[in-house]
Structures are given as structure tokens and as C-alpha cells.
PDB file of N, CA and C in Angstrom:
ATOM      1  N   UNK A   1       2.152  46.175 -92.339  1.00  0.00           N
ATOM      2  CA  UNK A   1       1.020  45.998 -93.235  1.00  0.00           C
ATOM      3  C   UNK A   1       0.132  44.855 -92.743  1.00  0.00           C
ATOM      4  N   UNK A   2       0.769  43.727 -92.361  1.00  0.00           N
ATOM      5  CA  UNK A   2      -0.009  42.586 -91.873  1.00  0.00           C
ATOM      6  C   UNK A   2      -0.747  42.944 -90.597  1.00  0.00           C
ATOM      7  N   UNK A   3      -0.091  43.662 -89.698  1.00  0.00           N
ATOM      8  CA  UNK A   3      -0.734  44.056 -88.448  1.00  0.00           C
ATOM      9  C   UNK A   3      -1.940  44.943 -88.722  1.00  0.00           C
ATOM     10  N   UNK A   4      -1.792  45.880 -89.645  1.00  0.00           N
ATOM     11  CA  UNK A   4      -2.898  46.768 -89.988  1.00  0.00           C
ATOM     12  C   UNK A   4      -4.042  45.984 -90.620  1.00  0.00           C
ATOM     13  N   UNK A   5      -3.714  45.054 -91.521  1.00  0.00           N
ATOM     14  CA  UNK A   5      -4.748  44.238 -92.158  1.00  0.00           C
ATOM     15  C   UNK A   5      -5.480  43.403 -91.111  1.00  0.00           C
ATOM     16  N   UNK A   6      -4.742  42.846 -90.155  1.00  0.00           N
ATOM     17  CA  UNK A   6      -5.371  42.045 -89.102  1.00  0.00           C
ATOM     18  C   UNK A   6      -6.256  42.899 -88.204  1.00  0.00           C
ATOM     19  N   UNK A   7      -5.855  44.139 -87.952  1.00  0.00           N
ATOM     20  CA  UNK A   7      -6.679  45.033 -87.136  1.00  0.00           C
ATOM     21  C   UNK A   7      -7.991  45.330 -87.845  1.00  0.00           C
ATOM     22  N   UNK A   8      -7.918  45.614 -89.143  1.00  0.00           N
ATOM     23  CA  UNK A   8      -9.145  45.856 -89.910  1.00  0.00           C
ATOM     24  C   UNK A   8     -10.013  44.607 -89.939  1.00  0.00           C
ATOM     25  N   UNK A   9      -9.384  43.436 -90.081  1.00  0.00           N
ATOM     26  CA  UNK A   9     -10.129  42.180 -90.111  1.00  0.00           C
ATOM     27  C   UNK A   9     -10.824  41.947 -88.773  1.00  0.00           C
ATOM     28  N   UNK A  10     -10.147  42.226 -87.673  1.00  0.00           N
ATOM     29  CA  UNK A  10     -10.751  42.053 -86.347  1.00  0.00           C
ATOM     30  C   UNK A  10     -11.946  42.981 -86.173  1.00  0.00           C
ATOM     31  N   UNK A  11     -11.823  44.203 -86.651  1.00  0.00           N
ATOM     32  CA  UNK A  11     -12.948  45.139 -86.571  1.00  0.00           C
ATOM     33  C   UNK A  11     -14.115  44.632 -87.403  1.00  0.00           C
ATOM     34  N   UNK A  12     -13.823  44.136 -88.601  1.00  0.00           N
ATOM     35  CA  UNK A  12     -14.888  43.615 -89.469  1.00  0.00           C
ATOM     36  C   UNK A  12     -15.571  42.422 -88.828  1.00  0.00           C
ATOM     37  N   UNK A  13     -14.804  41.559 -88.177  1.00  0.00           N
ATOM     38  CA  UNK A  13     -15.390  40.399 -87.505  1.00  0.00           C
ATOM     39  C   UNK A  13     -16.293  40.853 -86.366  1.00  0.00           C
ATOM     40  N   UNK A  14     -15.869  41.856 -85.604  1.00  0.00           N
ATOM     41  CA  UNK A  14     -16.700  42.363 -84.513  1.00  0.00           C
ATOM     42  C   UNK A  14     -17.996  42.966 -85.038  1.00  0.00           C
ATOM     43  N   UNK A  15     -17.916  43.706 -86.130  1.00  0.00           N
ATOM     44  CA  UNK A  15     -19.122  44.282 -86.726  1.00  0.00           C
ATOM     45  C   UNK A  15     -20.032  43.172 -87.216  1.00  0.00           C
ATOM     46  N   UNK A  16     -19.455  42.164 -87.870  1.00  0.00           N
ATOM     47  CA  UNK A  16     -20.237  41.027 -88.348  1.00  0.00           C
ATOM     48  C   UNK A  16     -20.865  40.293 -87.180  1.00  0.00           C
ATOM     49  N   UNK A  17     -20.121  40.133 -86.100  1.00  0.00           N
ATOM     50  CA  UNK A  17     -20.650  39.412 -84.941  1.00  0.00           C
ATOM     51  C   UNK A  17     -21.860  40.124 -84.358  1.00  0.00           C
ATOM     52  N   UNK A  18     -21.819  41.430 -84.309  1.00  0.00           N
ATOM     53  CA  UNK A  18     -22.951  42.150 -83.740  1.00  0.00           C
ATOM     54  C   UNK A  18     -24.164  42.102 -84.653  1.00  0.00           C
ATOM     55  N   UNK A  19     -23.936  41.875 -85.951  1.00  0.00           N
ATOM     56  CA  UNK A  19     -25.045  41.818 -86.897  1.00  0.00           C
ATOM     57  C   UNK A  19     -25.559  40.393 -87.102  1.00  0.00           C
ATOM     58  N   UNK A  20     -24.899  39.417 -86.522  1.00  0.00           N
ATOM     59  CA  UNK A  20     -25.289  38.024 -86.720  1.00  0.00           C
ATOM     60  C   UNK A  20     -26.650  37.750 -86.100  1.00  0.00           C
ATOM     61  N   UNK A  21     -27.421  36.917 -86.777  1.00  0.00           N
ATOM     62  CA  UNK A  21     -28.741  36.569 -86.280  1.00  0.00           C
ATOM     63  C   UNK A  21     -28.709  35.194 -85.648  1.00  0.00           C
ATOM     64  N   UNK A  22     -29.837  34.795 -85.075  1.00  0.00           N
ATOM     65  CA  UNK A  22     -29.926  33.487 -84.432  1.00  0.00           C
ATOM     66  C   UNK A  22     -29.732  32.361 -85.428  1.00  0.00           C
ATOM     67  N   UNK A  23     -29.973  32.613 -86.718  1.00  0.00           N
ATOM     68  CA  UNK A  23     -29.811  31.583 -87.729  1.00  0.00           C
ATOM     69  C   UNK A  23     -28.374  31.456 -88.205  1.00  0.00           C
ATOM     70  N   UNK A  24     -27.508  32.371 -87.853  1.00  0.00           N
ATOM     71  CA  UNK A  24     -26.118  32.313 -88.271  1.00  0.00           C
ATOM     72  C   UNK A  24     -25.339  31.399 -87.336  1.00  0.00           C
ATOM     73  N   UNK A  25     -24.412  30.646 -87.913  1.00  0.00           N
ATOM     74  CA  UNK A  25     -23.585  29.732 -87.138  1.00  0.00           C
ATOM     75  C   UNK A  25     -22.166  30.287 -87.105  1.00  0.00           C
ATOM     76  N   UNK A  26     -21.649  30.553 -85.903  1.00  0.00           N
ATOM     77  CA  UNK A  26     -20.269  31.010 -85.756  1.00  0.00           C
ATOM     78  C   UNK A  26     -19.351  29.821 -85.997  1.00  0.00           C
ATOM     79  N   UNK A  27     -18.356  30.024 -86.851  1.00  0.00           N
ATOM     80  CA  UNK A  27     -17.450  28.945 -87.221  1.00  0.00           C
ATOM     81  C   UNK A  27     -16.035  29.487 -87.204  1.00  0.00           C
ATOM     82  N   UNK A  28     -15.134  28.784 -86.538  1.00  0.00           N
ATOM     83  CA  UNK A  28     -13.753  29.231 -86.418  1.00  0.00           C
ATOM     84  C   UNK A  28     -12.904  28.569 -87.503  1.00  0.00           C
ATOM     85  N   UNK A  29     -12.269  29.386 -88.331  1.00  0.00           N
ATOM     86  CA  UNK A  29     -11.380  28.889 -89.376  1.00  0.00           C
ATOM     87  C   UNK A  29      -9.938  29.176 -88.990  1.00  0.00           C
ATOM     88  N   UNK A  30      -9.087  28.156 -89.069  1.00  0.00           N
ATOM     89  CA  UNK A  30      -7.659  28.307 -88.838  1.00  0.00           C
ATOM     90  C   UNK A  30      -6.946  27.960 -90.135  1.00  0.00           C
ATOM     91  N   UNK A  31      -6.087  28.839 -90.595  1.00  0.00           N
ATOM     92  CA  UNK A  31      -5.381  28.631 -91.850  1.00  0.00           C
ATOM     93  C   UNK A  31      -3.922  28.298 -91.579  1.00  0.00           C
ATOM     94  N   UNK A  32      -3.525  27.058 -91.859  1.00  0.00           N
ATOM     95  CA  UNK A  32      -2.125  26.643 -91.758  1.00  0.00           C
ATOM     96  C   UNK A  32      -1.649  26.091 -93.106  1.00  0.00           C
ATOM     97  N   UNK A  33      -2.272  26.541 -94.183  1.00  0.00           N
ATOM     98  CA  UNK A  33      -2.019  26.004 -95.518  1.00  0.00           C
ATOM     99  C   UNK A  33      -0.713  26.488 -96.144  1.00  0.00           C
ATOM    100  N   UNK A  34      -0.172  27.581 -95.647  1.00  0.00           N
ATOM    101  CA  UNK A  34       0.989  28.177 -96.287  1.00  0.00           C
ATOM    102  C   UNK A  34       0.610  29.220 -97.326  1.00  0.00           C
ATOM    103  N   UNK A  35      -0.683  29.381 -97.571  1.00  0.00           N
ATOM    104  CA  UNK A  35      -1.196  30.350 -98.542  1.00  0.00           C
ATOM    105  C   UNK A  35      -2.274  31.205 -97.891  1.00  0.00           C
ATOM    106  N   UNK A  36      -2.505  32.371 -98.430  1.00  0.00           N
ATOM    107  CA  UNK A  36      -3.574  33.236 -97.946  1.00  0.00           C
ATOM    108  C   UNK A  36      -4.887  32.815 -98.583  1.00  0.00           C
ATOM    109  N   UNK A  37      -5.927  32.678 -97.765  1.00  0.00           N
ATOM    110  CA  UNK A  37      -7.267  32.380 -98.268  1.00  0.00           C
ATOM    111  C   UNK A  37      -7.914  33.720 -98.609  1.00  0.00           C
ATOM    112  N   UNK A  38      -8.356  33.861 -99.864  1.00  0.00           N
ATOM    113  CA  UNK A  38      -8.925  35.137-100.302  1.00  0.00           C
ATOM    114  C   UNK A  38     -10.446  35.098-100.397  1.00  0.00           C
ATOM    115  N   UNK A  39     -11.024  33.892-100.488  1.00  0.00           N
ATOM    116  CA  UNK A  39     -12.477  33.759-100.530  1.00  0.00           C
ATOM    117  C   UNK A  39     -12.881  32.447 -99.871  1.00  0.00           C
ATOM    118  N   UNK A  40     -14.053  32.459 -99.230  1.00  0.00           N
ATOM    119  CA  UNK A  40     -14.644  31.251 -98.646  1.00  0.00           C
ATOM    120  C   UNK A  40     -16.129  31.261 -98.990  1.00  0.00           C
ATOM    121  N   UNK A  41     -16.585  30.167 -99.584  1.00  0.00           N
ATOM    122  CA  UNK A  41     -17.994  30.028 -99.947  1.00  0.00           C
ATOM    123  C   UNK A  41     -18.570  28.806 -99.250  1.00  0.00           C
ATOM    124  N   UNK A  42     -19.824  28.863 -98.869  1.00  0.00           N
ATOM    125  CA  UNK A  42     -20.502  27.717 -98.263  1.00  0.00           C
ATOM    126  C   UNK A  42     -21.869  27.537 -98.903  1.00  0.00           C
ATOM    127  N   UNK A  43     -22.378  26.319 -98.779  1.00  0.00           N
ATOM    128  CA  UNK A  43     -23.756  26.039 -99.200  1.00  0.00           C
ATOM    129  C   UNK A  43     -24.197  24.751 -98.529  1.00  0.00           C
ATOM    130  N   UNK A  44     -25.488  24.617 -98.251  1.00  0.00           N
ATOM    131  CA  UNK A  44     -25.969  23.333 -97.745  1.00  0.00           C
ATOM    132  C   UNK A  44     -25.575  22.238 -98.740  1.00  0.00           C
ATOM    133  N   UNK A  45     -25.213  21.064 -98.236  1.00  0.00           N
ATOM    134  CA  UNK A  45     -24.717  19.990 -99.097  1.00  0.00           C
ATOM    135  C   UNK A  45     -25.726  19.577-100.158  1.00  0.00           C
ATOM    136  N   UNK A  46     -27.005  19.760 -99.903  1.00  0.00           N
ATOM    137  CA  UNK A  46     -28.017  19.364-100.880  1.00  0.00           C
ATOM    138  C   UNK A  46     -28.306  20.464-101.900  1.00  0.00           C
ATOM    139  N   UNK A  47     -27.551  21.549-101.855  1.00  0.00           N
ATOM    140  CA  UNK A  47     -27.732  22.672-102.780  1.00  0.00           C
ATOM    141  C   UNK A  47     -26.530  22.736-103.712  1.00  0.00           C
ATOM    142  N   UNK A  48     -26.765  23.002-104.960  1.00  0.00           N
ATOM    143  CA  UNK A  48     -25.662  23.146-105.902  1.00  0.00           C
ATOM    144  C   UNK A  48     -25.261  24.588-106.098  1.00  0.00           C
ATOM    145  N   UNK A  49     -25.689  25.459-105.214  1.00  0.00           N
ATOM    146  CA  UNK A  49     -25.501  26.893-105.374  1.00  0.00           C
ATOM    147  C   UNK A  49     -24.650  27.444-104.234  1.00  0.00           C
ATOM    148  N   UNK A  50     -23.456  27.977-104.550  1.00  0.00           N
ATOM    149  CA  UNK A  50     -22.618  28.586-103.523  1.00  0.00           C
ATOM    150  C   UNK A  50     -23.230  29.894-103.071  1.00  0.00           C
ATOM    151  N   UNK A  51     -23.091  30.194-101.800  1.00  0.00           N
ATOM    152  CA  UNK A  51     -23.542  31.480-101.274  1.00  0.00           C
ATOM    153  C   UNK A  51     -22.516  32.556-101.565  1.00  0.00           C
ATOM    154  N   UNK A  52     -22.647  33.680-100.891  1.00  0.00           N
ATOM    155  CA  UNK A  52     -21.697  34.781-101.036  1.00  0.00           C
ATOM    156  C   UNK A  52     -20.389  34.432-100.332  1.00  0.00           C
ATOM    157  N   UNK A  53     -19.331  35.124-100.713  1.00  0.00           N
ATOM    158  CA  UNK A  53     -18.030  34.986-100.064  1.00  0.00           C
ATOM    159  C   UNK A  53     -18.163  35.458 -98.615  1.00  0.00           C
ATOM    160  N   UNK A  54     -17.986  34.546 -97.655  1.00  0.00           N
ATOM    161  CA  UNK A  54     -18.194  34.909 -96.249  1.00  0.00           C
ATOM    162  C   UNK A  54     -17.031  35.707 -95.660  1.00  0.00           C
ATOM    163  N   UNK A  55     -15.923  35.814 -96.392  1.00  0.00           N
ATOM    164  CA  UNK A  55     -14.836  36.684 -95.939  1.00  0.00           C
ATOM    165  C   UNK A  55     -15.068  38.128 -96.371  1.00  0.00           C
ATOM    166  N   UNK A  56     -15.922  38.324 -97.352  1.00  0.00           N
ATOM    167  CA  UNK A  56     -16.149  39.677 -97.856  1.00  0.00           C
ATOM    168  C   UNK A  56     -14.864  40.251 -98.426  1.00  0.00           C
ATOM    169  N   UNK A  57     -14.499  41.443 -98.024  1.00  0.00           N
ATOM    170  CA  UNK A  57     -13.282  42.100 -98.509  1.00  0.00           C
ATOM    171  C   UNK A  57     -12.044  41.661 -97.726  1.00  0.00           C
ATOM    172  N   UNK A  58     -12.208  40.806 -96.730  1.00  0.00           N
ATOM    173  CA  UNK A  58     -11.102  40.367 -95.882  1.00  0.00           C
ATOM    174  C   UNK A  58     -10.418  39.143 -96.470  1.00  0.00           C
ATOM    175  N   UNK A  59      -9.255  38.825 -95.944  1.00  0.00           N
ATOM    176  CA  UNK A  59      -8.524  37.608 -96.284  1.00  0.00           C
ATOM    177  C   UNK A  59      -8.136  36.919 -94.981  1.00  0.00           C
ATOM    178  N   UNK A  60      -7.784  35.639 -95.084  1.00  0.00           N
ATOM    179  CA  UNK A  60      -7.302  34.897 -93.915  1.00  0.00           C
ATOM    180  C   UNK A  60      -5.894  34.409 -94.229  1.00  0.00           C
ATOM    181  N   UNK A  61      -4.924  35.104 -93.666  1.00  0.00           N
ATOM    182  CA  UNK A  61      -3.530  34.762 -93.921  1.00  0.00           C
ATOM    183  C   UNK A  61      -3.152  33.475 -93.206  1.00  0.00           C
ATOM    184  N   UNK A  62      -2.146  32.797 -93.753  1.00  0.00           N
ATOM    185  CA  UNK A  62      -1.674  31.569 -93.134  1.00  0.00           C
ATOM    186  C   UNK A  62      -1.137  31.871 -91.734  1.00  0.00           C
ATOM    187  N   UNK A  63      -1.429  30.979 -90.805  1.00  0.00           N
ATOM    188  CA  UNK A  63      -1.008  31.166 -89.425  1.00  0.00           C
ATOM    189  C   UNK A  63      -2.018  31.887 -88.557  1.00  0.00           C
ATOM    190  N   UNK A  64      -3.146  32.275 -89.124  1.00  0.00           N
ATOM    191  CA  UNK A  64      -4.158  33.020 -88.372  1.00  0.00           C
ATOM    192  C   UNK A  64      -5.464  32.241 -88.250  1.00  0.00           C
ATOM    193  N   UNK A  65      -6.232  32.593 -87.233  1.00  0.00           N
ATOM    194  CA  UNK A  65      -7.554  32.019 -86.984  1.00  0.00           C
ATOM    195  C   UNK A  65      -8.555  33.160 -86.939  1.00  0.00           C
ATOM    196  N   UNK A  66      -9.731  32.913 -87.492  1.00  0.00           N
ATOM    197  CA  UNK A  66     -10.778  33.927 -87.466  1.00  0.00           C
ATOM    198  C   UNK A  66     -12.136  33.259 -87.344  1.00  0.00           C
ATOM    199  N   UNK A  67     -13.072  33.968 -86.759  1.00  0.00           N
ATOM    200  CA  UNK A  67     -14.451  33.493 -86.685  1.00  0.00           C
ATOM    201  C   UNK A  67     -15.223  34.070 -87.855  1.00  0.00           C
ATOM    202  N   UNK A  68     -15.922  33.193 -88.570  1.00  0.00           N
ATOM    203  CA  UNK A  68     -16.792  33.608 -89.666  1.00  0.00           C
ATOM    204  C   UNK A  68     -18.201  33.156 -89.324  1.00  0.00           C
ATOM    205  N   UNK A  69     -19.166  33.677 -90.047  1.00  0.00           N
ATOM    206  CA  UNK A  69     -20.561  33.317 -89.790  1.00  0.00           C
ATOM    207  C   UNK A  69     -21.168  32.698 -91.036  1.00  0.00           C
ATOM    208  N   UNK A  70     -21.692  31.493 -90.865  1.00  0.00           N
ATOM    209  CA  UNK A  70     -22.334  30.769 -91.950  1.00  0.00           C
ATOM    210  C   UNK A  70     -23.832  30.969 -91.809  1.00  0.00           C
ATOM    211  N   UNK A  71     -24.445  31.491 -92.857  1.00  0.00           N
ATOM    212  CA  UNK A  71     -25.895  31.687 -92.858  1.00  0.00           C
ATOM    213  C   UNK A  71     -26.568  30.322 -92.918  1.00  0.00           C
ATOM    214  N   UNK A  72     -27.274  29.960 -91.878  1.00  0.00           N
ATOM    215  CA  UNK A  72     -27.949  28.663 -91.810  1.00  0.00           C
ATOM    216  C   UNK A  72     -29.442  28.881 -92.000  1.00  0.00           C
ATOM    217  N   UNK A  73     -29.854  28.904 -93.255  1.00  0.00           N
ATOM    218  CA  UNK A  73     -31.262  29.105 -93.573  1.00  0.00           C
ATOM    219  C   UNK A  73     -31.985  27.789 -93.811  1.00  0.00           C
ATOM    220  N   UNK A  74     -31.369  26.700 -93.397  1.00  0.00           N
ATOM    221  CA  UNK A  74     -31.994  25.393 -93.587  1.00  0.00           C
ATOM    222  C   UNK A  74     -31.874  24.610 -92.292  1.00  0.00           C
ATOM    223  N   UNK A  75     -32.445  23.426 -92.277  1.00  0.00           N
ATOM    224  CA  UNK A  75     -32.321  22.563 -91.105  1.00  0.00           C
ATOM    225  C   UNK A  75     -31.227  21.526 -91.319  1.00  0.00           C
ATOM    226  N   UNK A  76     -30.397  21.736 -92.318  1.00  0.00           N
ATOM    227  CA  UNK A  76     -29.358  20.781 -92.675  1.00  0.00           C
ATOM    228  C   UNK A  76     -28.071  21.050 -91.898  1.00  0.00           C
ATOM    229  N   UNK A  77     -27.406  19.983 -91.477  1.00  0.00           N
ATOM    230  CA  UNK A  77     -26.133  20.112 -90.764  1.00  0.00           C
ATOM    231  C   UNK A  77     -24.933  20.045 -91.702  1.00  0.00           C
ATOM    232  N   UNK A  78     -25.046  19.268 -92.771  1.00  0.00           N
ATOM    233  CA  UNK A  78     -23.931  19.080 -93.700  1.00  0.00           C
ATOM    234  C   UNK A  78     -23.856  20.249 -94.678  1.00  0.00           C
ATOM    235  N   UNK A  79     -22.692  20.891 -94.702  1.00  0.00           N
ATOM    236  CA  UNK A  79     -22.451  22.013 -95.608  1.00  0.00           C
ATOM    237  C   UNK A  79     -21.206  21.746 -96.435  1.00  0.00           C
ATOM    238  N   UNK A  80     -21.228  22.185 -97.687  1.00  0.00           N
ATOM    239  CA  UNK A  80     -20.035  22.198 -98.516  1.00  0.00           C
ATOM    240  C   UNK A  80     -19.337  23.523 -98.274  1.00  0.00           C
ATOM    241  N   UNK A  81     -17.995  23.487 -98.299  1.00  0.00           N
ATOM    242  CA  UNK A  81     -17.219  24.706 -98.099  1.00  0.00           C
ATOM    243  C   UNK A  81     -16.123  24.743 -99.153  1.00  0.00           C
ATOM    244  N   UNK A  82     -15.912  25.906 -99.742  1.00  0.00           N
ATOM    245  CA  UNK A  82     -14.932  26.094-100.804  1.00  0.00           C
ATOM    246  C   UNK A  82     -13.986  27.220-100.410  1.00  0.00           C
ATOM    247  N   UNK A  83     -12.694  26.917-100.435  1.00  0.00           N
ATOM    248  CA  UNK A  83     -11.659  27.905-100.130  1.00  0.00           C
ATOM    249  C   UNK A  83     -10.942  28.273-101.425  1.00  0.00           C
ATOM    250  N   UNK A  84     -10.732  29.560-101.652  1.00  0.00           N
ATOM    251  CA  UNK A  84      -9.970  30.039-102.803  1.00  0.00           C
ATOM    252  C   UNK A  84      -8.723  30.719-102.250  1.00  0.00           C
ATOM    253  N   UNK A  85      -7.548  30.287-102.748  1.00  0.00           N
ATOM    254  CA  UNK A  85      -6.271  30.787-102.250  1.00  0.00           C
ATOM    255  C   UNK A  85      -5.722  31.886-103.157  1.00  0.00           C
ATOM    256  N   UNK A  86      -4.758  32.633-102.622  1.00  0.00           N
ATOM    257  CA  UNK A  86      -4.198  33.764-103.362  1.00  0.00           C
ATOM    258  C   UNK A  86      -3.458  33.352-104.625  1.00  0.00           C
ATOM    259  N   UNK A  87      -3.081  32.082-104.755  1.00  0.00           N
ATOM    260  CA  UNK A  87      -2.417  31.617-105.976  1.00  0.00           C
ATOM    261  C   UNK A  87      -3.416  31.075-107.001  1.00  0.00           C
ATOM    262  N   UNK A  88      -4.726  31.169-106.692  1.00  0.00           N
ATOM    263  CA  UNK A  88      -5.763  30.716-107.613  1.00  0.00           C
ATOM    264  C   UNK A  88      -6.246  29.300-107.370  1.00  0.00           C
ATOM    265  N   UNK A  89      -5.515  28.526-106.564  1.00  0.00           N
ATOM    266  CA  UNK A  89      -5.953  27.162-106.259  1.00  0.00           C
ATOM    267  C   UNK A  89      -7.214  27.191-105.411  1.00  0.00           C
ATOM    268  N   UNK A  90      -7.975  26.106-105.501  1.00  0.00           N
ATOM    269  CA  UNK A  90      -9.199  25.958-104.713  1.00  0.00           C
ATOM    270  C   UNK A  90      -9.166  24.635-103.971  1.00  0.00           C
ATOM    271  N   UNK A  91      -9.847  24.592-102.843  1.00  0.00           N
ATOM    272  CA  UNK A  91      -9.990  23.372-102.061  1.00  0.00           C
ATOM    273  C   UNK A  91     -11.411  23.338-101.523  1.00  0.00           C
ATOM    274  N   UNK A  92     -12.066  22.191-101.643  1.00  0.00           N
ATOM    275  CA  UNK A  92     -13.418  22.077-101.099  1.00  0.00           C
ATOM    276  C   UNK A  92     -13.487  20.897-100.143  1.00  0.00           C
ATOM    277  N   UNK A  93     -14.466  20.944 -99.270  1.00  0.00           N
ATOM    278  CA  UNK A  93     -14.663  19.895 -98.279  1.00  0.00           C
ATOM    279  C   UNK A  93     -16.116  19.957 -97.829  1.00  0.00           C
ATOM    280  N   UNK A  94     -16.497  18.997 -97.009  1.00  0.00           N
ATOM    281  CA  UNK A  94     -17.829  19.016 -96.413  1.00  0.00           C
ATOM    282  C   UNK A  94     -17.654  19.107 -94.901  1.00  0.00           C
ATOM    283  N   UNK A  95     -18.462  19.970 -94.264  1.00  0.00           N
ATOM    284  CA  UNK A  95     -18.377  20.170 -92.823  1.00  0.00           C
ATOM    285  C   UNK A  95     -19.743  19.941 -92.195  1.00  0.00           C
ATOM    286  N   UNK A  96     -19.736  19.603 -90.925  1.00  0.00           N
ATOM    287  CA  UNK A  96     -20.974  19.438 -90.161  1.00  0.00           C
ATOM    288  C   UNK A  96     -21.065  20.610 -89.197  1.00  0.00           C
ATOM    289  N   UNK A  97     -21.930  21.570 -89.507  1.00  0.00           N
ATOM    290  CA  UNK A  97     -22.012  22.782 -88.685  1.00  0.00           C
ATOM    291  C   UNK A  97     -22.791  22.563 -87.394  1.00  0.00           C
ATOM    292  N   UNK A  98     -23.439  21.401 -87.260  1.00  0.00           N
ATOM    293  CA  UNK A  98     -24.174  21.107 -86.026  1.00  0.00           C
ATOM    294  C   UNK A  98     -23.256  20.526 -84.954  1.00  0.00           C
ATOM    295  N   UNK A  99     -22.247  19.755 -85.373  1.00  0.00           N
ATOM    296  CA  UNK A  99     -21.372  19.073 -84.421  1.00  0.00           C
ATOM    297  C   UNK A  99     -20.017  19.737 -84.236  1.00  0.00           C
ATOM    298  N   UNK A 100     -19.517  20.393 -85.266  1.00  0.00           N
ATOM    299  CA  UNK A 100     -18.186  20.989 -85.202  1.00  0.00           C
ATOM    300  C   UNK A 100     -18.285  22.498 -85.320  1.00  0.00           C
ATOM    301  N   UNK A 101     -17.467  23.198 -84.557  1.00  0.00           N
ATOM    302  CA  UNK A 101     -17.490  24.661 -84.594  1.00  0.00           C
ATOM    303  C   UNK A 101     -16.184  25.235 -85.126  1.00  0.00           C
ATOM    304  N   UNK A 102     -15.325  24.356 -85.686  1.00  0.00           N
ATOM    305  CA  UNK A 102     -14.055  24.857 -86.199  1.00  0.00           C
ATOM    306  C   UNK A 102     -13.573  23.991 -87.357  1.00  0.00           C
ATOM    307  N   UNK A 103     -12.668  24.564 -88.141  1.00  0.00           N
ATOM    308  CA  UNK A 103     -12.094  23.866 -89.288  1.00  0.00           C
ATOM    309  C   UNK A 103     -10.686  24.397 -89.481  1.00  0.00           C
ATOM    310  N   UNK A 104      -9.743  23.483 -89.746  1.00  0.00           N
ATOM    311  CA  UNK A 104      -8.368  23.874 -90.024  1.00  0.00           C
ATOM    312  C   UNK A 104      -8.082  23.658 -91.502  1.00  0.00           C
ATOM    313  N   UNK A 105      -7.662  24.708 -92.164  1.00  0.00           N
ATOM    314  CA  UNK A 105      -7.321  24.666 -93.586  1.00  0.00           C
ATOM    315  C   UNK A 105      -5.857  24.261 -93.680  1.00  0.00           C
ATOM    316  N   UNK A 106      -5.616  23.085 -94.245  1.00  0.00           N
ATOM    317  CA  UNK A 106      -4.237  22.576 -94.328  1.00  0.00           C
ATOM    318  C   UNK A 106      -3.799  22.428 -95.761  1.00  0.00           C
TER     319      UNK A 106
END
């Protein structure tokens, strides 16, 4: 089941990658939290409005890494990021999408 889910996730990432525009920022997420991430939201730090779930219908299981695309419709580098886990817990942080291209969820 996990292998099949990962295959579908890889296909979805490839489709997303081909649809990405010059304004999208590729960001590598690694999940070592011990929990499955079911949703990821981002927004420019100066905005109080979360965007859409960038995982879509996919999940990021613990022990896996995936590339996601953050819509960068501003000139801001600082972004807030919110992770929602399969047990309902949430974790938020601030990331710099101009300097860093990866994030590890711990």
C-alpha cells in the first residue's frame, strides 16, 4: 500500500513539476517527525491568509522526502509554513524561500 501511494505521489509531483511556472519555488520537504503529514499550507509572512494545501490529495509519510512547489506571487523571501499531521496536531514555522531550498519536519 505504501509503495503504491508513493508511486502515485511521485507521478503527482512530476505532473506538478511540469505545470510549475517561473514564479513557483521548488522546495524539498523531508519528514522525520514520526507522523504522516496530511496537509501543508504556506503564505508570505506579511499575510495572515494561508494558501491552498500544497500537498493536494497527497500525504508525506515519515521517512520520506518530496519536492513541493510554493506559489511565490510576491517579492518576499520570508514565508510562514503550517504542517497538519494525521493525528490532528499542527506545527508552524517560518522559512526563507530565497536562501533555503529544503526543510526537515522533525
